[in-house]
Amino acid sequence: MLHVQDGIFLSASDYHDVQIDGNGALELSGDVTVGGDWINNGGILTPNGHAVMFNGAGSQTLGGSSATSFHDLVINDGLLGYWKLDEGSGSTAADSSGYGHDGTLINTNFTSTTPAAIAFNNTHALEFDGANEYVDVTANPKD
């Protein structure tokens, strides 16, 4: 358990539970993974552009007497990867799950128009025509 009571604690690590009290401040120097509960009783979280990922196997509580504002919050309940396929250019399909299982785009083209069949507009979406396009994720997501 990480328990910050007074002063500033700089961290980029994995924890089961996190509790910030009164005069405590948690400043992130990298992404933090929380497997248990997050309790804020008057403390301050300064994300510095980093993510907090909740990935507990059971129920997790976000609570305390004070609200916490997260910069980039990931709540993961077993998701192995999440590829939005909306990069707009390049050859990488970024994994938005927080696990870093990026894929390589093979024979793909980005579209700049809205397909007539759907009422959805994303000018950075990928276009698959069913011939030979795919995304290769070489890392085993279960690792």
N, C-alpha and C. Protein backbone atom coordinates (compact mmCIF):
# COMPACT_ATOMS: atom_id res chain seq x y z
N MET A 1 0.85 -1.18 0.00
CA MET A 1 0.00 0.00 0.00
C MET A 1 0.88 1.23 0.00
N LEU A 2 0.53 2.17 -0.86
CA LEU A 2 1.18 3.48 -0.84
C LEU A 2 0.29 4.41 -0.04
N HIS A 3 0.81 4.96 1.06
CA HIS A 3 0.05 5.86 1.92
C HIS A 3 0.83 7.16 2.04
N VAL A 4 0.32 8.24 1.42
CA VAL A 4 0.98 9.54 1.45
C VAL A 4 0.24 10.42 2.46
N GLN A 5 0.92 10.79 3.56
CA GLN A 5 0.27 11.59 4.60
C GLN A 5 0.71 13.05 4.57
N ASP A 6 1.99 13.30 4.50
CA ASP A 6 2.54 14.65 4.50
C ASP A 6 3.64 14.73 3.45
N GLY A 7 3.79 15.91 2.88
CA GLY A 7 4.85 16.11 1.91
C GLY A 7 4.48 15.60 0.53
N ILE A 8 5.47 15.58 -0.35
CA ILE A 8 5.28 15.19 -1.74
C ILE A 8 5.98 13.86 -1.98
N PHE A 9 5.26 12.92 -2.59
CA PHE A 9 5.83 11.63 -2.93
C PHE A 9 5.83 11.52 -4.45
N LEU A 10 7.00 11.30 -5.05
CA LEU A 10 7.16 11.19 -6.49
C LEU A 10 7.22 9.71 -6.84
N SER A 11 6.34 9.26 -7.77
CA SER A 11 6.28 7.83 -8.02
C SER A 11 5.91 7.50 -9.46
N ALA A 12 6.39 6.35 -9.90
CA ALA A 12 5.98 5.70 -11.15
C ALA A 12 6.15 4.21 -10.89
N SER A 13 5.13 3.57 -10.34
CA SER A 13 5.27 2.19 -9.93
C SER A 13 3.91 1.50 -9.90
N ASP A 14 3.89 0.28 -9.39
CA ASP A 14 2.65 -0.49 -9.23
C ASP A 14 2.35 -0.63 -7.75
N TYR A 15 1.07 -0.47 -7.39
CA TYR A 15 0.65 -0.55 -6.00
C TYR A 15 -0.65 -1.34 -5.91
N HIS A 16 -0.89 -1.94 -4.75
CA HIS A 16 -2.19 -2.57 -4.54
C HIS A 16 -3.21 -1.51 -4.17
N ASP A 17 -2.96 -0.76 -3.12
CA ASP A 17 -3.86 0.31 -2.69
C ASP A 17 -3.09 1.63 -2.62
N VAL A 18 -3.80 2.73 -2.87
CA VAL A 18 -3.21 4.06 -2.75
C VAL A 18 -4.12 4.90 -1.87
N GLN A 19 -3.54 5.58 -0.88
CA GLN A 19 -4.30 6.49 -0.03
C GLN A 19 -3.51 7.78 0.13
N ILE A 20 -4.18 8.91 -0.16
CA ILE A 20 -3.55 10.23 -0.02
C ILE A 20 -4.35 10.99 1.04
N ASP A 21 -3.69 11.44 2.09
CA ASP A 21 -4.37 12.12 3.19
C ASP A 21 -3.88 13.56 3.34
N GLY A 22 -4.77 14.39 3.91
CA GLY A 22 -4.47 15.74 4.35
C GLY A 22 -3.48 16.53 3.56
N ASN A 23 -2.26 16.63 4.06
CA ASN A 23 -1.22 17.44 3.43
C ASN A 23 -0.37 16.65 2.44
N GLY A 24 -0.80 15.45 2.09
CA GLY A 24 -0.04 14.61 1.18
C GLY A 24 -0.27 14.99 -0.27
N ALA A 25 0.75 14.77 -1.09
CA ALA A 25 0.66 15.03 -2.52
C ALA A 25 1.42 13.93 -3.25
N LEU A 26 0.76 13.35 -4.24
CA LEU A 26 1.38 12.32 -5.07
C LEU A 26 1.62 12.91 -6.44
N GLU A 27 2.90 13.00 -6.84
CA GLU A 27 3.26 13.50 -8.16
C GLU A 27 3.77 12.32 -8.98
N LEU A 28 3.18 12.13 -10.17
CA LEU A 28 3.58 10.99 -11.00
C LEU A 28 4.80 11.35 -11.85
N SER A 29 5.79 10.47 -11.83
CA SER A 29 6.96 10.63 -12.69
C SER A 29 6.90 9.64 -13.84
N GLY A 30 5.85 8.85 -13.88
CA GLY A 30 5.59 7.85 -14.91
C GLY A 30 4.22 7.27 -14.65
N ASP A 31 3.80 6.33 -15.47
CA ASP A 31 2.49 5.71 -15.28
C ASP A 31 2.47 4.89 -14.00
N VAL A 32 1.30 4.87 -13.33
CA VAL A 32 1.12 4.14 -12.08
C VAL A 32 -0.01 3.15 -12.27
N THR A 33 0.19 1.91 -11.82
CA THR A 33 -0.84 0.88 -11.86
C THR A 33 -1.32 0.60 -10.44
N VAL A 34 -2.66 0.58 -10.27
CA VAL A 34 -3.26 0.34 -8.96
C VAL A 34 -4.12 -0.92 -9.07
N GLY A 35 -3.80 -1.93 -8.27
CA GLY A 35 -4.54 -3.18 -8.29
C GLY A 35 -5.65 -3.24 -7.27
N GLY A 36 -5.70 -2.27 -6.38
CA GLY A 36 -6.72 -2.27 -5.31
C GLY A 36 -7.47 -0.96 -5.31
N ASP A 37 -7.61 -0.37 -4.13
CA ASP A 37 -8.45 0.82 -3.95
C ASP A 37 -7.65 2.11 -4.03
N TRP A 38 -8.35 3.20 -4.41
CA TRP A 38 -7.79 4.55 -4.44
C TRP A 38 -8.61 5.39 -3.48
N ILE A 39 -7.99 5.87 -2.42
CA ILE A 39 -8.70 6.67 -1.42
C ILE A 39 -8.01 8.03 -1.31
N ASN A 40 -8.79 9.10 -1.48
CA ASN A 40 -8.25 10.45 -1.36
C ASN A 40 -8.98 11.17 -0.24
N ASN A 41 -8.28 11.46 0.84
CA ASN A 41 -8.84 12.17 1.99
C ASN A 41 -8.19 13.53 2.14
N GLY A 42 -8.27 14.34 1.10
CA GLY A 42 -7.75 15.70 1.16
C GLY A 42 -6.42 15.91 0.50
N GLY A 43 -5.83 14.88 -0.08
CA GLY A 43 -4.54 15.01 -0.72
C GLY A 43 -4.66 15.49 -2.16
N ILE A 44 -3.50 15.60 -2.81
CA ILE A 44 -3.45 16.13 -4.17
C ILE A 44 -2.72 15.14 -5.07
N LEU A 45 -3.31 14.89 -6.26
CA LEU A 45 -2.64 14.11 -7.29
C LEU A 45 -2.21 15.06 -8.39
N THR A 46 -0.92 15.02 -8.73
CA THR A 46 -0.40 15.79 -9.86
C THR A 46 0.11 14.78 -10.88
N PRO A 47 -0.67 14.56 -11.97
CA PRO A 47 -0.31 13.49 -12.91
C PRO A 47 0.89 13.79 -13.81
N ASN A 48 1.23 15.06 -14.03
CA ASN A 48 2.36 15.42 -14.89
C ASN A 48 2.29 14.74 -16.24
N GLY A 49 1.08 14.55 -16.78
CA GLY A 49 0.90 13.95 -18.09
C GLY A 49 0.95 12.44 -18.10
N HIS A 50 1.01 11.78 -16.94
CA HIS A 50 1.10 10.33 -16.88
C HIS A 50 -0.26 9.72 -16.53
N ALA A 51 -0.39 8.43 -16.76
CA ALA A 51 -1.65 7.72 -16.57
C ALA A 51 -1.69 6.98 -15.24
N VAL A 52 -2.91 6.83 -14.73
CA VAL A 52 -3.19 5.93 -13.61
C VAL A 52 -4.05 4.82 -14.18
N MET A 53 -3.61 3.56 -14.04
CA MET A 53 -4.37 2.42 -14.54
C MET A 53 -4.85 1.57 -13.38
N PHE A 54 -6.17 1.33 -13.35
CA PHE A 54 -6.76 0.43 -12.36
C PHE A 54 -6.95 -0.91 -13.04
N ASN A 55 -6.32 -1.96 -12.51
CA ASN A 55 -6.41 -3.27 -13.16
C ASN A 55 -6.61 -4.40 -12.16
N GLY A 56 -7.36 -4.16 -11.10
CA GLY A 56 -7.61 -5.19 -10.11
C GLY A 56 -8.52 -6.28 -10.65
N ALA A 57 -8.33 -7.49 -10.13
CA ALA A 57 -9.14 -8.62 -10.57
C ALA A 57 -10.53 -8.59 -9.92
N GLY A 58 -10.65 -7.95 -8.77
CA GLY A 58 -11.94 -7.87 -8.08
C GLY A 58 -12.48 -6.46 -8.12
N SER A 59 -13.42 -6.17 -7.24
CA SER A 59 -13.97 -4.81 -7.20
C SER A 59 -12.93 -3.85 -6.62
N GLN A 60 -12.94 -2.63 -7.14
CA GLN A 60 -12.03 -1.59 -6.69
C GLN A 60 -12.85 -0.37 -6.32
N THR A 61 -12.38 0.39 -5.33
CA THR A 61 -13.09 1.57 -4.86
C THR A 61 -12.29 2.82 -5.17
N LEU A 62 -12.96 3.81 -5.74
CA LEU A 62 -12.41 5.15 -5.88
C LEU A 62 -13.20 5.98 -4.89
N GLY A 63 -12.57 6.40 -3.81
CA GLY A 63 -13.35 7.08 -2.79
C GLY A 63 -12.52 8.00 -1.92
N GLY A 64 -13.08 8.29 -0.76
CA GLY A 64 -12.45 9.20 0.18
C GLY A 64 -13.28 10.45 0.34
N SER A 65 -12.79 11.36 1.15
CA SER A 65 -13.53 12.59 1.43
C SER A 65 -13.30 13.67 0.38
N SER A 66 -12.35 13.47 -0.54
CA SER A 66 -12.04 14.46 -1.57
C SER A 66 -12.09 13.81 -2.95
N ALA A 67 -12.51 14.59 -3.92
CA ALA A 67 -12.52 14.11 -5.30
C ALA A 67 -11.11 14.11 -5.86
N THR A 68 -10.85 13.23 -6.80
CA THR A 68 -9.56 13.18 -7.49
C THR A 68 -9.80 13.42 -8.97
N SER A 69 -9.04 14.34 -9.56
CA SER A 69 -9.10 14.58 -11.00
C SER A 69 -7.93 13.86 -11.64
N PHE A 70 -8.23 12.95 -12.57
CA PHE A 70 -7.19 12.19 -13.25
C PHE A 70 -6.94 12.79 -14.63
N HIS A 71 -5.68 12.80 -15.06
CA HIS A 71 -5.33 13.30 -16.39
C HIS A 71 -5.62 12.24 -17.45
N ASP A 72 -5.17 11.03 -17.23
CA ASP A 72 -5.31 9.94 -18.19
C ASP A 72 -5.59 8.68 -17.39
N LEU A 73 -6.86 8.38 -17.20
CA LEU A 73 -7.28 7.26 -16.36
C LEU A 73 -7.62 6.07 -17.23
N VAL A 74 -7.10 4.91 -16.87
CA VAL A 74 -7.41 3.66 -17.57
C VAL A 74 -8.01 2.71 -16.55
N ILE A 75 -9.21 2.21 -16.82
CA ILE A 75 -9.83 1.20 -15.95
C ILE A 75 -9.86 -0.08 -16.76
N ASN A 76 -9.14 -1.08 -16.29
CA ASN A 76 -8.99 -2.31 -17.06
C ASN A 76 -9.49 -3.49 -16.25
N ASP A 77 -10.52 -4.16 -16.77
CA ASP A 77 -11.09 -5.32 -16.07
C ASP A 77 -10.85 -6.60 -16.85
N GLY A 78 -9.70 -6.72 -17.48
CA GLY A 78 -9.35 -7.92 -18.20
C GLY A 78 -9.09 -7.70 -19.68
N LEU A 79 -9.26 -6.49 -20.15
CA LEU A 79 -9.00 -6.16 -21.54
C LEU A 79 -7.52 -6.41 -21.84
N LEU A 80 -7.23 -7.08 -22.95
CA LEU A 80 -5.85 -7.36 -23.32
C LEU A 80 -5.27 -6.31 -24.25
N GLY A 81 -6.11 -5.68 -25.05
CA GLY A 81 -5.66 -4.65 -25.96
C GLY A 81 -6.85 -3.90 -26.52
N TYR A 82 -6.64 -2.64 -26.88
CA TYR A 82 -7.70 -1.83 -27.46
C TYR A 82 -7.08 -0.95 -28.54
N TRP A 83 -7.40 -1.29 -29.79
CA TRP A 83 -6.84 -0.58 -30.92
C TRP A 83 -7.94 0.23 -31.58
N LYS A 84 -7.87 1.57 -31.49
CA LYS A 84 -8.91 2.43 -32.07
C LYS A 84 -8.75 2.56 -33.58
N LEU A 85 -7.57 2.29 -34.10
CA LEU A 85 -7.29 2.35 -35.54
C LEU A 85 -7.64 3.71 -36.14
N ASP A 86 -7.30 4.75 -35.42
CA ASP A 86 -7.62 6.11 -35.88
C ASP A 86 -6.39 7.02 -35.89
N GLU A 87 -5.23 6.45 -36.14
CA GLU A 87 -3.99 7.22 -36.10
C GLU A 87 -3.92 8.27 -37.21
N GLY A 88 -4.49 7.97 -38.37
CA GLY A 88 -4.50 8.93 -39.47
C GLY A 88 -3.30 8.84 -40.40
N SER A 89 -2.20 8.29 -39.92
CA SER A 89 -1.00 8.12 -40.74
C SER A 89 -0.05 7.19 -40.02
N GLY A 90 0.97 6.78 -40.73
CA GLY A 90 1.99 5.93 -40.13
C GLY A 90 1.71 4.46 -40.31
N SER A 91 2.49 3.63 -39.63
CA SER A 91 2.37 2.17 -39.77
C SER A 91 2.12 1.47 -38.44
N THR A 92 1.75 2.23 -37.40
CA THR A 92 1.52 1.64 -36.08
C THR A 92 0.07 1.80 -35.66
N ALA A 93 -0.53 0.69 -35.18
CA ALA A 93 -1.86 0.73 -34.55
C ALA A 93 -1.61 0.77 -33.05
N ALA A 94 -1.80 1.93 -32.45
CA ALA A 94 -1.48 2.11 -31.03
C ALA A 94 -2.48 1.38 -30.15
N ASP A 95 -1.96 0.71 -29.12
CA ASP A 95 -2.80 0.02 -28.13
C ASP A 95 -3.19 1.02 -27.06
N SER A 96 -4.48 1.32 -26.96
CA SER A 96 -4.98 2.29 -25.98
C SER A 96 -5.36 1.65 -24.65
N SER A 97 -5.09 0.36 -24.47
CA SER A 97 -5.45 -0.32 -23.23
C SER A 97 -4.53 0.04 -22.07
N GLY A 98 -3.35 0.57 -22.38
CA GLY A 98 -2.38 0.86 -21.34
C GLY A 98 -1.31 -0.20 -21.22
N TYR A 99 -1.44 -1.29 -21.98
CA TYR A 99 -0.46 -2.39 -21.90
C TYR A 99 0.64 -2.31 -22.94
N GLY A 100 0.50 -1.41 -23.92
CA GLY A 100 1.56 -1.21 -24.89
C GLY A 100 1.68 -2.28 -25.96
N HIS A 101 0.61 -3.01 -26.27
CA HIS A 101 0.64 -4.02 -27.32
C HIS A 101 0.30 -3.39 -28.67
N ASP A 102 1.19 -2.50 -29.13
CA ASP A 102 0.98 -1.85 -30.42
C ASP A 102 1.06 -2.86 -31.54
N GLY A 103 0.34 -2.59 -32.62
CA GLY A 103 0.36 -3.45 -33.79
C GLY A 103 0.98 -2.74 -34.98
N THR A 104 1.32 -3.51 -36.00
CA THR A 104 1.87 -2.96 -37.24
C THR A 104 0.79 -3.04 -38.31
N LEU A 105 0.52 -1.92 -38.96
CA LEU A 105 -0.48 -1.87 -40.02
C LEU A 105 0.12 -2.44 -41.30
N ILE A 106 -0.57 -3.41 -41.89
CA ILE A 106 -0.08 -4.08 -43.09
C ILE A 106 -1.03 -3.78 -44.26
N ASN A 107 -0.51 -3.21 -45.34
CA ASN A 107 -1.28 -2.91 -46.56
C ASN A 107 -2.51 -2.07 -46.29
N THR A 108 -2.42 -1.10 -45.40
CA THR A 108 -3.59 -0.31 -45.03
C THR A 108 -3.53 1.09 -45.62
N ASN A 109 -4.70 1.68 -45.79
CA ASN A 109 -4.83 3.05 -46.26
C ASN A 109 -5.76 3.79 -45.31
N PHE A 110 -5.45 5.05 -45.08
CA PHE A 110 -6.32 5.87 -44.25
C PHE A 110 -7.34 6.55 -45.15
N THR A 111 -8.56 6.67 -44.66
CA THR A 111 -9.61 7.31 -45.42
C THR A 111 -9.76 8.76 -45.00
N SER A 112 -10.20 9.59 -45.91
CA SER A 112 -10.47 10.99 -45.57
C SER A 112 -11.93 11.33 -45.85
N THR A 113 -12.70 10.33 -46.19
CA THR A 113 -14.13 10.54 -46.48
C THR A 113 -14.97 9.64 -45.60
N THR A 114 -16.22 10.01 -45.42
CA THR A 114 -17.15 9.20 -44.63
C THR A 114 -17.80 8.17 -45.54
N PRO A 115 -17.69 6.88 -45.23
CA PRO A 115 -18.34 5.86 -46.05
C PRO A 115 -19.86 6.07 -46.04
N ALA A 116 -20.51 5.83 -47.19
CA ALA A 116 -21.94 6.07 -47.33
C ALA A 116 -22.77 5.13 -46.46
N ALA A 117 -22.25 3.95 -46.15
CA ALA A 117 -23.04 2.95 -45.44
C ALA A 117 -23.26 3.27 -43.96
N ILE A 118 -22.46 4.16 -43.39
CA ILE A 118 -22.59 4.46 -41.97
C ILE A 118 -22.63 5.97 -41.75
N ALA A 119 -23.26 6.36 -40.67
CA ALA A 119 -23.32 7.78 -40.31
C ALA A 119 -22.27 8.06 -39.24
N PHE A 120 -21.03 7.87 -39.57
CA PHE A 120 -19.92 8.03 -38.64
C PHE A 120 -18.79 8.70 -39.39
N ASN A 121 -18.22 9.73 -38.83
CA ASN A 121 -17.15 10.44 -39.50
C ASN A 121 -15.91 10.47 -38.63
N ASN A 122 -14.86 9.85 -39.11
CA ASN A 122 -13.56 9.91 -38.45
C ASN A 122 -12.53 10.03 -39.57
N THR A 123 -12.02 11.22 -39.77
CA THR A 123 -11.11 11.46 -40.88
C THR A 123 -9.76 10.76 -40.72
N HIS A 124 -9.55 10.08 -39.60
CA HIS A 124 -8.30 9.35 -39.38
C HIS A 124 -8.50 7.85 -39.35
N ALA A 125 -9.69 7.37 -39.71
CA ALA A 125 -10.00 5.95 -39.64
C ALA A 125 -9.27 5.17 -40.73
N LEU A 126 -9.05 3.89 -40.45
CA LEU A 126 -8.46 3.00 -41.45
C LEU A 126 -9.54 2.49 -42.38
N GLU A 127 -9.14 2.14 -43.58
CA GLU A 127 -10.07 1.62 -44.57
C GLU A 127 -9.60 0.22 -44.97
N PHE A 128 -10.41 -0.80 -44.68
CA PHE A 128 -10.12 -2.18 -45.06
C PHE A 128 -11.06 -2.57 -46.19
N ASP A 129 -10.52 -3.08 -47.31
CA ASP A 129 -11.39 -3.47 -48.42
C ASP A 129 -11.59 -4.97 -48.49
N GLY A 130 -11.04 -5.71 -47.56
CA GLY A 130 -11.24 -7.15 -47.52
C GLY A 130 -10.24 -7.94 -48.33
N ALA A 131 -9.28 -7.29 -48.95
CA ALA A 131 -8.32 -7.99 -49.79
C ALA A 131 -7.15 -8.54 -48.97
N ASN A 132 -6.31 -7.65 -48.44
CA ASN A 132 -5.12 -8.13 -47.74
C ASN A 132 -4.68 -7.22 -46.60
N GLU A 133 -5.58 -6.38 -46.10
CA GLU A 133 -5.21 -5.48 -45.01
C GLU A 133 -5.42 -6.17 -43.67
N TYR A 134 -4.52 -5.91 -42.75
CA TYR A 134 -4.66 -6.42 -41.39
C TYR A 134 -3.73 -5.68 -40.45
N VAL A 135 -3.90 -5.94 -39.16
CA VAL A 135 -3.01 -5.38 -38.15
C VAL A 135 -2.29 -6.54 -37.49
N ASP A 136 -0.98 -6.51 -37.47
CA ASP A 136 -0.16 -7.57 -36.89
C ASP A 136 0.28 -7.13 -35.49
N VAL A 137 -0.15 -7.87 -34.48
CA VAL A 137 0.28 -7.64 -33.10
C VAL A 137 1.20 -8.79 -32.74
N THR A 138 2.51 -8.53 -32.78
CA THR A 138 3.48 -9.61 -32.59
C THR A 138 3.63 -10.02 -31.14
N ALA A 139 3.41 -9.11 -30.21
CA ALA A 139 3.51 -9.46 -28.79
C ALA A 139 2.32 -10.30 -28.39
N ASN A 140 2.52 -11.29 -27.55
CA ASN A 140 1.43 -12.10 -27.04
C ASN A 140 0.73 -11.30 -25.95
N PRO A 141 -0.53 -10.83 -26.18
CA PRO A 141 -1.21 -10.00 -25.20
C PRO A 141 -1.38 -10.64 -23.83
N LYS A 142 -1.23 -11.96 -23.74
CA LYS A 142 -1.37 -12.61 -22.44
C LYS A 142 -0.08 -12.56 -21.63
N ASP A 143 1.01 -12.10 -22.24
CA ASP A 143 2.30 -12.00 -21.53
C ASP A 143 2.28 -10.84 -20.57
